[in-house]
Amino acid sequence: MPTMGVRVFHPQLRSTYVLAGPLRWVEPDGRRAVLRVDAAGGPARRFCGRSVTLDLGHCHRVRSLNGGAIEQGQMVTVKARMPRRLETLPSVVAPRSVLALGPML
């Protein structure tokens, strides 16, 4: 029986998107963060200049090059699986990996 209101996409209908930019806000427990998209690969370039909430609760690959936790103001690269024909950027994205590159200069 299908679940009402839940859209499940076949794995072949999904694509990996790479988004990068500074973290504008991070929850104290580190489970959510807001990313301003300054750079993106491929068709996701049209989302540059927009902000997206990252749900980090289920992301097992959150790393910081300085060895600490991710913090507000750090530049990060995010890889996320989303629908291939993405019309609008979702308000919340569950990334596969997050790499913090360091503080924004």
N, C-alpha and C. Protein backbone atom coordinates (compact mmCIF):
# COMPACT_ATOMS: atom_id res chain seq x y z
N MET A 1 0.85 -1.18 0.00
CA MET A 1 0.00 0.00 0.00
C MET A 1 0.89 1.24 0.00
N PRO A 2 0.71 2.19 -0.93
CA PRO A 2 1.55 3.39 -0.99
C PRO A 2 1.27 4.32 0.18
N THR A 3 2.30 5.02 0.59
CA THR A 3 2.19 6.00 1.67
C THR A 3 1.77 7.34 1.08
N MET A 4 0.80 7.96 1.68
CA MET A 4 0.31 9.25 1.20
C MET A 4 1.29 10.36 1.52
N GLY A 5 1.58 11.21 0.56
CA GLY A 5 2.38 12.40 0.77
C GLY A 5 3.89 12.18 0.73
N VAL A 6 4.35 10.96 0.58
CA VAL A 6 5.79 10.70 0.54
C VAL A 6 6.17 10.36 -0.89
N ARG A 7 7.13 11.11 -1.44
CA ARG A 7 7.60 10.85 -2.81
C ARG A 7 8.89 10.07 -2.73
N VAL A 8 8.88 8.88 -3.31
CA VAL A 8 10.06 8.05 -3.34
C VAL A 8 10.53 8.00 -4.78
N PHE A 9 11.80 8.33 -4.98
CA PHE A 9 12.36 8.35 -6.32
C PHE A 9 13.22 7.12 -6.53
N HIS A 10 13.07 6.51 -7.67
CA HIS A 10 13.89 5.37 -8.05
C HIS A 10 15.35 5.83 -8.09
N PRO A 11 16.30 4.98 -7.65
CA PRO A 11 17.71 5.41 -7.63
C PRO A 11 18.22 5.94 -8.98
N GLN A 12 17.72 5.42 -10.10
CA GLN A 12 18.17 5.90 -11.40
C GLN A 12 17.62 7.28 -11.74
N LEU A 13 16.63 7.72 -11.00
CA LEU A 13 16.05 9.04 -11.24
C LEU A 13 16.66 10.08 -10.31
N ARG A 14 17.71 9.70 -9.59
CA ARG A 14 18.38 10.61 -8.68
C ARG A 14 19.78 10.91 -9.20
N SER A 15 20.31 12.03 -8.77
CA SER A 15 21.64 12.43 -9.19
C SER A 15 22.35 13.05 -7.98
N THR A 16 23.67 13.01 -7.98
CA THR A 16 24.44 13.63 -6.90
C THR A 16 24.73 15.08 -7.27
N TYR A 17 24.38 15.98 -6.40
CA TYR A 17 24.62 17.40 -6.59
C TYR A 17 25.72 17.83 -5.62
N VAL A 18 26.60 18.70 -6.07
CA VAL A 18 27.67 19.25 -5.23
C VAL A 18 27.39 20.74 -5.05
N LEU A 19 27.25 21.15 -3.80
CA LEU A 19 26.98 22.54 -3.45
C LEU A 19 28.11 23.01 -2.53
N ALA A 20 28.51 24.26 -2.65
CA ALA A 20 29.57 24.80 -1.80
C ALA A 20 29.26 26.24 -1.42
N GLY A 21 29.72 26.61 -0.24
CA GLY A 21 29.52 27.97 0.23
C GLY A 21 29.73 28.04 1.73
N PRO A 22 29.48 29.21 2.32
CA PRO A 22 29.67 29.37 3.76
C PRO A 22 28.45 28.91 4.55
N LEU A 23 28.71 28.42 5.76
CA LEU A 23 27.62 28.09 6.67
C LEU A 23 27.16 29.38 7.33
N ARG A 24 25.91 29.70 7.18
CA ARG A 24 25.37 30.94 7.74
C ARG A 24 24.93 30.75 9.18
N TRP A 25 24.57 29.51 9.55
CA TRP A 25 24.08 29.23 10.89
C TRP A 25 24.24 27.74 11.16
N VAL A 26 24.58 27.38 12.38
CA VAL A 26 24.69 25.98 12.80
C VAL A 26 24.02 25.84 14.15
N GLU A 27 23.15 24.84 14.30
CA GLU A 27 22.53 24.58 15.61
C GLU A 27 23.61 24.20 16.61
N PRO A 28 23.42 24.52 17.89
CA PRO A 28 24.43 24.18 18.89
C PRO A 28 24.75 22.68 18.95
N ASP A 29 23.77 21.82 18.70
CA ASP A 29 24.04 20.37 18.73
C ASP A 29 24.58 19.85 17.39
N GLY A 30 24.65 20.70 16.38
CA GLY A 30 25.23 20.34 15.09
C GLY A 30 24.35 19.48 14.20
N ARG A 31 23.06 19.37 14.51
CA ARG A 31 22.17 18.52 13.72
C ARG A 31 21.61 19.23 12.48
N ARG A 32 21.60 20.55 12.48
CA ARG A 32 21.12 21.32 11.33
C ARG A 32 22.04 22.50 11.11
N ALA A 33 22.14 22.89 9.84
CA ALA A 33 22.94 24.05 9.48
C ALA A 33 22.31 24.69 8.25
N VAL A 34 22.58 25.96 8.05
CA VAL A 34 22.08 26.67 6.87
C VAL A 34 23.28 27.02 6.01
N LEU A 35 23.21 26.60 4.74
CA LEU A 35 24.28 26.84 3.76
C LEU A 35 23.81 27.86 2.74
N ARG A 36 24.64 28.88 2.50
CA ARG A 36 24.39 29.78 1.38
C ARG A 36 25.16 29.22 0.19
N VAL A 37 24.47 28.87 -0.86
CA VAL A 37 25.10 28.25 -2.02
C VAL A 37 25.79 29.32 -2.85
N ASP A 38 27.13 29.27 -2.87
CA ASP A 38 27.92 30.21 -3.67
C ASP A 38 28.44 29.55 -4.94
N ALA A 39 28.57 28.23 -4.92
CA ALA A 39 29.06 27.49 -6.09
C ALA A 39 28.35 26.15 -6.13
N ALA A 40 28.10 25.67 -7.32
CA ALA A 40 27.43 24.38 -7.51
C ALA A 40 27.86 23.81 -8.85
N GLY A 41 27.77 22.51 -8.95
CA GLY A 41 28.16 21.84 -10.18
C GLY A 41 26.97 21.52 -11.06
N GLY A 42 27.19 21.57 -12.36
CA GLY A 42 26.18 21.17 -13.35
C GLY A 42 24.90 21.97 -13.27
N PRO A 43 23.76 21.28 -13.36
CA PRO A 43 22.48 21.99 -13.38
C PRO A 43 22.14 22.68 -12.07
N ALA A 44 22.84 22.37 -10.99
CA ALA A 44 22.56 23.01 -9.70
C ALA A 44 23.08 24.44 -9.64
N ARG A 45 23.82 24.88 -10.66
CA ARG A 45 24.36 26.26 -10.66
C ARG A 45 23.26 27.30 -10.56
N ARG A 46 22.08 26.96 -11.02
CA ARG A 46 20.99 27.95 -10.97
C ARG A 46 20.55 28.25 -9.54
N PHE A 47 21.02 27.46 -8.56
CA PHE A 47 20.66 27.69 -7.16
C PHE A 47 21.67 28.57 -6.43
N CYS A 48 22.69 29.05 -7.11
CA CYS A 48 23.68 29.93 -6.49
C CYS A 48 22.99 31.19 -5.95
N GLY A 49 23.40 31.59 -4.76
CA GLY A 49 22.81 32.76 -4.14
C GLY A 49 21.63 32.43 -3.24
N ARG A 50 21.20 31.20 -3.21
CA ARG A 50 20.07 30.79 -2.36
C ARG A 50 20.59 30.07 -1.13
N SER A 51 19.77 29.96 -0.12
CA SER A 51 20.14 29.25 1.10
C SER A 51 19.33 27.98 1.24
N VAL A 52 19.95 26.97 1.86
CA VAL A 52 19.29 25.69 2.06
C VAL A 52 19.65 25.19 3.46
N THR A 53 18.69 24.55 4.11
CA THR A 53 18.93 23.95 5.42
C THR A 53 19.46 22.55 5.22
N LEU A 54 20.55 22.22 5.90
CA LEU A 54 21.15 20.89 5.84
C LEU A 54 20.74 20.10 7.07
N ASP A 55 20.15 18.93 6.88
CA ASP A 55 19.79 18.03 7.97
C ASP A 55 20.98 17.09 8.17
N LEU A 56 21.81 17.36 9.16
CA LEU A 56 23.03 16.60 9.38
C LEU A 56 22.85 15.44 10.33
N GLY A 57 21.64 15.23 10.82
CA GLY A 57 21.37 14.18 11.79
C GLY A 57 21.67 12.78 11.28
N HIS A 58 21.46 12.53 9.98
CA HIS A 58 21.68 11.21 9.41
C HIS A 58 22.91 11.17 8.51
N CYS A 59 23.66 12.24 8.46
CA CYS A 59 24.86 12.29 7.62
C CYS A 59 26.04 11.74 8.42
N HIS A 60 26.61 10.64 7.96
CA HIS A 60 27.68 9.99 8.69
C HIS A 60 29.06 10.52 8.30
N ARG A 61 29.12 11.30 7.23
CA ARG A 61 30.41 11.81 6.75
C ARG A 61 30.46 13.32 6.88
N VAL A 62 30.57 13.80 8.09
CA VAL A 62 30.75 15.23 8.35
C VAL A 62 32.17 15.39 8.86
N ARG A 63 33.01 16.05 8.07
CA ARG A 63 34.43 16.21 8.43
C ARG A 63 34.82 17.67 8.35
N SER A 64 35.77 18.03 9.19
CA SER A 64 36.36 19.35 9.15
C SER A 64 37.86 19.17 8.99
N LEU A 65 38.46 19.91 8.09
CA LEU A 65 39.90 19.78 7.85
C LEU A 65 40.73 20.20 9.05
N ASN A 66 40.18 21.05 9.93
CA ASN A 66 40.94 21.45 11.12
C ASN A 66 40.70 20.49 12.28
N GLY A 67 39.90 19.45 12.08
CA GLY A 67 39.69 18.42 13.09
C GLY A 67 38.59 18.71 14.09
N GLY A 68 38.04 19.90 14.09
CA GLY A 68 36.97 20.24 15.04
C GLY A 68 35.59 20.02 14.44
N ALA A 69 34.61 20.53 15.12
CA ALA A 69 33.24 20.45 14.64
C ALA A 69 33.00 21.56 13.61
N ILE A 70 31.95 21.39 12.82
CA ILE A 70 31.63 22.45 11.86
C ILE A 70 31.05 23.64 12.62
N GLU A 71 31.36 24.83 12.12
CA GLU A 71 30.96 26.06 12.79
C GLU A 71 30.44 27.07 11.79
N GLN A 72 29.70 28.02 12.29
CA GLN A 72 29.19 29.11 11.46
C GLN A 72 30.37 29.85 10.84
N GLY A 73 30.26 30.19 9.57
CA GLY A 73 31.29 30.94 8.87
C GLY A 73 32.28 30.08 8.11
N GLN A 74 32.26 28.77 8.32
CA GLN A 74 33.17 27.89 7.59
C GLN A 74 32.68 27.67 6.17
N MET A 75 33.62 27.54 5.26
CA MET A 75 33.30 27.16 3.89
C MET A 75 33.17 25.65 3.85
N VAL A 76 32.11 25.15 3.23
CA VAL A 76 31.88 23.71 3.17
C VAL A 76 31.54 23.28 1.76
N THR A 77 31.81 22.02 1.48
CA THR A 77 31.38 21.36 0.25
C THR A 77 30.42 20.26 0.66
N VAL A 78 29.26 20.23 0.03
CA VAL A 78 28.20 19.29 0.37
C VAL A 78 27.87 18.44 -0.84
N LYS A 79 27.78 17.13 -0.65
CA LYS A 79 27.30 16.22 -1.70
C LYS A 79 25.96 15.67 -1.24
N ALA A 80 24.96 15.78 -2.11
CA ALA A 80 23.62 15.32 -1.76
C ALA A 80 22.96 14.64 -2.96
N ARG A 81 22.20 13.58 -2.70
CA ARG A 81 21.43 12.90 -3.74
C ARG A 81 20.05 13.52 -3.76
N MET A 82 19.66 14.04 -4.93
CA MET A 82 18.35 14.66 -5.09
C MET A 82 17.79 14.22 -6.44
N PRO A 83 16.51 14.49 -6.68
CA PRO A 83 15.92 14.11 -7.97
C PRO A 83 16.70 14.71 -9.14
N ARG A 84 16.85 13.93 -10.19
CA ARG A 84 17.64 14.35 -11.36
C ARG A 84 17.07 15.61 -12.00
N ARG A 85 15.80 15.66 -12.21
CA ARG A 85 15.15 16.83 -12.84
C ARG A 85 14.65 17.77 -11.75
N LEU A 86 15.58 18.40 -11.08
CA LEU A 86 15.28 19.27 -9.96
C LEU A 86 14.82 20.63 -10.45
N GLU A 87 13.56 20.95 -10.19
CA GLU A 87 13.00 22.24 -10.62
C GLU A 87 13.32 23.34 -9.61
N THR A 88 13.15 23.04 -8.32
CA THR A 88 13.43 24.02 -7.28
C THR A 88 14.29 23.35 -6.22
N LEU A 89 15.08 24.15 -5.53
CA LEU A 89 15.93 23.64 -4.47
C LEU A 89 15.05 23.33 -3.26
N PRO A 90 15.11 22.10 -2.72
CA PRO A 90 14.31 21.78 -1.54
C PRO A 90 14.70 22.68 -0.36
N SER A 91 13.76 22.91 0.55
CA SER A 91 14.07 23.75 1.70
C SER A 91 15.00 23.05 2.68
N VAL A 92 14.92 21.71 2.75
CA VAL A 92 15.80 20.92 3.62
C VAL A 92 16.43 19.82 2.78
N VAL A 93 17.76 19.70 2.89
CA VAL A 93 18.51 18.69 2.14
C VAL A 93 19.22 17.79 3.15
N ALA A 94 19.15 16.48 2.92
CA ALA A 94 19.89 15.52 3.75
C ALA A 94 21.14 15.11 2.97
N PRO A 95 22.29 15.69 3.27
CA PRO A 95 23.50 15.42 2.48
C PRO A 95 24.09 14.04 2.77
N ARG A 96 24.83 13.55 1.79
CA ARG A 96 25.57 12.30 1.96
C ARG A 96 26.90 12.57 2.65
N SER A 97 27.51 13.72 2.34
CA SER A 97 28.77 14.09 2.98
C SER A 97 28.90 15.60 3.05
N VAL A 98 29.61 16.06 4.09
CA VAL A 98 29.89 17.48 4.29
C VAL A 98 31.36 17.59 4.64
N LEU A 99 32.10 18.42 3.92
CA LEU A 99 33.51 18.65 4.20
C LEU A 99 33.70 20.14 4.46
N ALA A 100 34.10 20.47 5.69
CA ALA A 100 34.38 21.86 6.05
C ALA A 100 35.82 22.18 5.70
N LEU A 101 36.01 23.19 4.88
CA LEU A 101 37.34 23.53 4.38
C LEU A 101 38.07 24.52 5.27
N GLY A 102 37.36 25.24 6.11
CA GLY A 102 37.99 26.21 7.01
C GLY A 102 37.18 27.49 7.06
N PRO A 103 37.68 28.47 7.80
CA PRO A 103 36.93 29.72 7.94
C PRO A 103 36.92 30.52 6.66
N MET A 104 35.84 31.26 6.49
CA MET A 104 35.71 32.14 5.32
C MET A 104 36.62 33.33 5.54
N LEU A 105 37.41 33.64 4.54
CA LEU A 105 38.35 34.77 4.67
C LEU A 105 37.76 36.04 4.16
